[in-house]
Amino acid sequence: MAYHVEEEVSLLMQHLERLAEGGAVVTFGRLFQDEVVEQTFESLAGTLKAAKKRKYLNFPGHLLLFPTHATTKITILPPPVTDDDDDTPAAASAPASTPAPAPTPAP
């Protein structure tokens, strides 16, 4: 079976949001011991590392291991804001400029 990193990271984020119950923080122990997560991920540590690299989440260090890091907090990061997310046309968001005065005829 091929390993699809983006699909795994997306699935991990869904589980983290479920476990965070409307918040943005989940302990590694809670994630690791969740029955659905246990049965879903072959390499939870690898998927966490991939999600951190893509800036979907943050946690201290490079690798989380159970039970050593059971109380370590995993923070879900807000999605990055890009120019593509803005629905307003560029002209509408640009400050209005006053037209230059018309040149006066020479006497």
C-alpha atoms as a PDB file:
ATOM      1  CA  MET A   1       0.000   0.000   0.000  1.00  0.00           C
ATOM      2  CA  ALA A   2       1.372   3.401  -0.979  1.00  0.00           C
ATOM      3  CA  TYR A   3       1.861   6.052   1.680  1.00  0.00           C
ATOM      4  CA  HIS A   4       0.109   9.312   0.809  1.00  0.00           C
ATOM      5  CA  VAL A   5       1.442  11.968   3.154  1.00  0.00           C
ATOM      6  CA  GLU A   6      -1.143  14.662   2.407  1.00  0.00           C
ATOM      7  CA  GLU A   7      -4.031  12.243   2.997  1.00  0.00           C
ATOM      8  CA  GLU A   8      -2.490  11.034   6.259  1.00  0.00           C
ATOM      9  CA  VAL A   9      -1.898  14.593   7.478  1.00  0.00           C
ATOM     10  CA  SER A  10      -5.460  15.592   6.560  1.00  0.00           C
ATOM     11  CA  LEU A  11      -6.841  12.601   8.452  1.00  0.00           C
ATOM     12  CA  LEU A  12      -4.633  13.385  11.460  1.00  0.00           C
ATOM     13  CA  MET A  13      -5.912  16.961  11.526  1.00  0.00           C
ATOM     14  CA  GLN A  14      -9.516  15.697  11.542  1.00  0.00           C
ATOM     15  CA  HIS A  15      -8.753  13.486  14.547  1.00  0.00           C
ATOM     16  CA  LEU A  16      -6.934  16.295  16.371  1.00  0.00           C
ATOM     17  CA  GLU A  17      -9.883  18.654  15.849  1.00  0.00           C
ATOM     18  CA  ARG A  18     -12.266  15.954  17.121  1.00  0.00           C
ATOM     19  CA  LEU A  19     -10.150  15.352  20.224  1.00  0.00           C
ATOM     20  CA  ALA A  20      -9.613  19.072  20.861  1.00  0.00           C
ATOM     21  CA  GLU A  21     -13.401  19.467  21.241  1.00  0.00           C
ATOM     22  CA  GLY A  22     -13.511  22.972  19.807  1.00  0.00           C
ATOM     23  CA  GLY A  23     -10.136  23.974  21.198  1.00  0.00           C
ATOM     24  CA  ALA A  24      -6.707  24.019  19.612  1.00  0.00           C
ATOM     25  CA  VAL A  25      -4.681  21.813  21.983  1.00  0.00           C
ATOM     26  CA  VAL A  26      -4.523  18.036  22.500  1.00  0.00           C
ATOM     27  CA  THR A  27      -1.996  16.135  24.584  1.00  0.00           C
ATOM     28  CA  PHE A  28       0.052  13.506  22.805  1.00  0.00           C
ATOM     29  CA  GLY A  29      -1.157  10.916  25.334  1.00  0.00           C
ATOM     30  CA  ARG A  30      -4.800  11.566  24.502  1.00  0.00           C
ATOM     31  CA  LEU A  31      -4.084  11.329  20.774  1.00  0.00           C
ATOM     32  CA  PHE A  32      -1.903   8.241  21.120  1.00  0.00           C
ATOM     33  CA  GLN A  33      -4.411   6.362  23.296  1.00  0.00           C
ATOM     34  CA  ASP A  34      -7.492   7.174  21.204  1.00  0.00           C
ATOM     35  CA  GLU A  35      -8.857   3.868  19.862  1.00  0.00           C
ATOM     36  CA  VAL A  36      -9.672   5.236  16.409  1.00  0.00           C
ATOM     37  CA  VAL A  37      -6.229   6.826  16.051  1.00  0.00           C
ATOM     38  CA  GLU A  38      -4.566   3.591  17.231  1.00  0.00           C
ATOM     39  CA  GLN A  39      -6.289   1.674  14.433  1.00  0.00           C
ATOM     40  CA  THR A  40      -5.797   4.331  11.749  1.00  0.00           C
ATOM     41  CA  PHE A  41      -2.130   5.308  11.707  1.00  0.00           C
ATOM     42  CA  GLU A  42       0.718   2.914  11.087  1.00  0.00           C
ATOM     43  CA  SER A  43       3.242   5.596  12.027  1.00  0.00           C
ATOM     44  CA  LEU A  44       1.662   8.281  14.181  1.00  0.00           C
ATOM     45  CA  ALA A  45       5.085   9.780  14.949  1.00  0.00           C
ATOM     46  CA  GLY A  46       5.882  10.117  11.241  1.00  0.00           C
ATOM     47  CA  THR A  47       2.512  11.668  10.439  1.00  0.00           C
ATOM     48  CA  LEU A  48       2.894  14.166  13.302  1.00  0.00           C
ATOM     49  CA  LYS A  49       6.342  15.100  12.026  1.00  0.00           C
ATOM     50  CA  ALA A  50       4.975  15.611   8.486  1.00  0.00           C
ATOM     51  CA  ALA A  51       2.105  17.784   9.785  1.00  0.00           C
ATOM     52  CA  LYS A  52       4.523  19.886  11.829  1.00  0.00           C
ATOM     53  CA  LYS A  53       6.800  20.353   8.812  1.00  0.00           C
ATOM     54  CA  ARG A  54       3.785  21.589   6.800  1.00  0.00           C
ATOM     55  CA  LYS A  55       2.886  23.987   9.676  1.00  0.00           C
ATOM     56  CA  TYR A  56      -0.515  22.433  10.440  1.00  0.00           C
ATOM     57  CA  LEU A  57       0.441  21.940  14.072  1.00  0.00           C
ATOM     58  CA  ASN A  58       3.215  22.542  16.552  1.00  0.00           C
ATOM     59  CA  PHE A  59       4.776  20.708  19.480  1.00  0.00           C
ATOM     60  CA  PRO A  60       8.133  20.970  21.252  1.00  0.00           C
ATOM     61  CA  GLY A  61      10.977  18.875  19.903  1.00  0.00           C
ATOM     62  CA  HIS A  62      11.186  16.790  16.752  1.00  0.00           C
ATOM     63  CA  LEU A  63       9.578  13.489  17.736  1.00  0.00           C
ATOM     64  CA  LEU A  64       6.959  12.439  20.277  1.00  0.00           C
ATOM     65  CA  LEU A  65       7.159   9.021  21.948  1.00  0.00           C
ATOM     66  CA  PHE A  66       4.700   7.426  24.356  1.00  0.00           C
ATOM     67  CA  PRO A  67       4.750   7.384  27.402  1.00  0.00           C
ATOM     68  CA  THR A  68       7.682   9.810  27.666  1.00  0.00           C
ATOM     69  CA  HIS A  69       5.788  12.656  25.973  1.00  0.00           C
ATOM     70  CA  ALA A  70       2.244  11.773  27.100  1.00  0.00           C
ATOM     71  CA  THR A  71       1.644  15.218  28.612  1.00  0.00           C
ATOM     72  CA  THR A  72       3.202  17.156  25.731  1.00  0.00           C
ATOM     73  CA  LYS A  73       0.736  19.557  24.150  1.00  0.00           C
ATOM     74  CA  ILE A  74       0.102  19.488  20.401  1.00  0.00           C
ATOM     75  CA  THR A  75      -1.247  22.822  19.174  1.00  0.00           C
ATOM     76  CA  ILE A  76      -3.384  23.040  16.038  1.00  0.00           C
ATOM     77  CA  LEU A  77      -2.218  26.079  14.069  1.00  0.00           C
ATOM     78  CA  PRO A  78      -4.603  28.362  12.170  1.00  0.00           C
ATOM     79  CA  PRO A  79      -4.460  28.009   8.395  1.00  0.00           C
ATOM     80  CA  PRO A  80      -2.073  30.456   6.731  1.00  0.00           C
ATOM     81  CA  VAL A  81      -3.641  33.562   5.221  1.00  0.00           C
ATOM     82  CA  THR A  82      -2.880  33.995   1.534  1.00  0.00           C
ATOM     83  CA  ASP A  83      -3.852  36.593  -1.050  1.00  0.00           C
ATOM     84  CA  ASP A  84      -6.022  33.941  -2.719  1.00  0.00           C
ATOM     85  CA  ASP A  85      -8.296  33.896   0.356  1.00  0.00           C
ATOM     86  CA  ASP A  86      -9.306  37.534  -0.209  1.00  0.00           C
ATOM     87  CA  ASP A  87     -12.524  37.815  -2.251  1.00  0.00           C
ATOM     88  CA  THR A  88     -12.293  41.550  -2.792  1.00  0.00           C
ATOM     89  CA  PRO A  89     -10.957  42.716  -6.149  1.00  0.00           C
ATOM     90  CA  ALA A  90      -7.557  44.369  -6.034  1.00  0.00           C
ATOM     91  CA  ALA A  91      -8.974  47.681  -7.303  1.00  0.00           C
ATOM     92  CA  ALA A  92     -11.577  47.764  -4.539  1.00  0.00           C
ATOM     93  CA  SER A  93      -9.017  47.175  -1.806  1.00  0.00           C
ATOM     94  CA  ALA A  94      -6.493  49.691  -3.126  1.00  0.00           C
ATOM     95  CA  PRO A  95      -6.670  53.168  -1.636  1.00  0.00           C
ATOM     96  CA  ALA A  96      -8.469  55.662  -3.831  1.00  0.00           C
ATOM     97  CA  SER A  97      -6.133  58.075  -5.531  1.00  0.00           C
ATOM     98  CA  THR A  98      -6.996  61.572  -6.632  1.00  0.00           C
ATOM     99  CA  PRO A  99      -6.430  62.312 -10.282  1.00  0.00           C
ATOM    100  CA  ALA A 100      -3.608  64.674 -11.156  1.00  0.00           C
ATOM    101  CA  PRO A 101      -4.729  68.202 -11.977  1.00  0.00           C
ATOM    102  CA  ALA A 102      -5.052  68.993 -15.660  1.00  0.00           C
ATOM    103  CA  PRO A 103      -2.156  71.020 -17.014  1.00  0.00           C
ATOM    104  CA  THR A 104      -2.907  74.692 -17.441  1.00  0.00           C
ATOM    105  CA  PRO A 105      -2.341  76.161 -20.904  1.00  0.00           C
ATOM    106  CA  ALA A 106       0.724  78.356 -21.270  1.00  0.00           C
ATOM    107  CA  PRO A 107      -0.056  82.083 -21.728  1.00  0.00           C
END
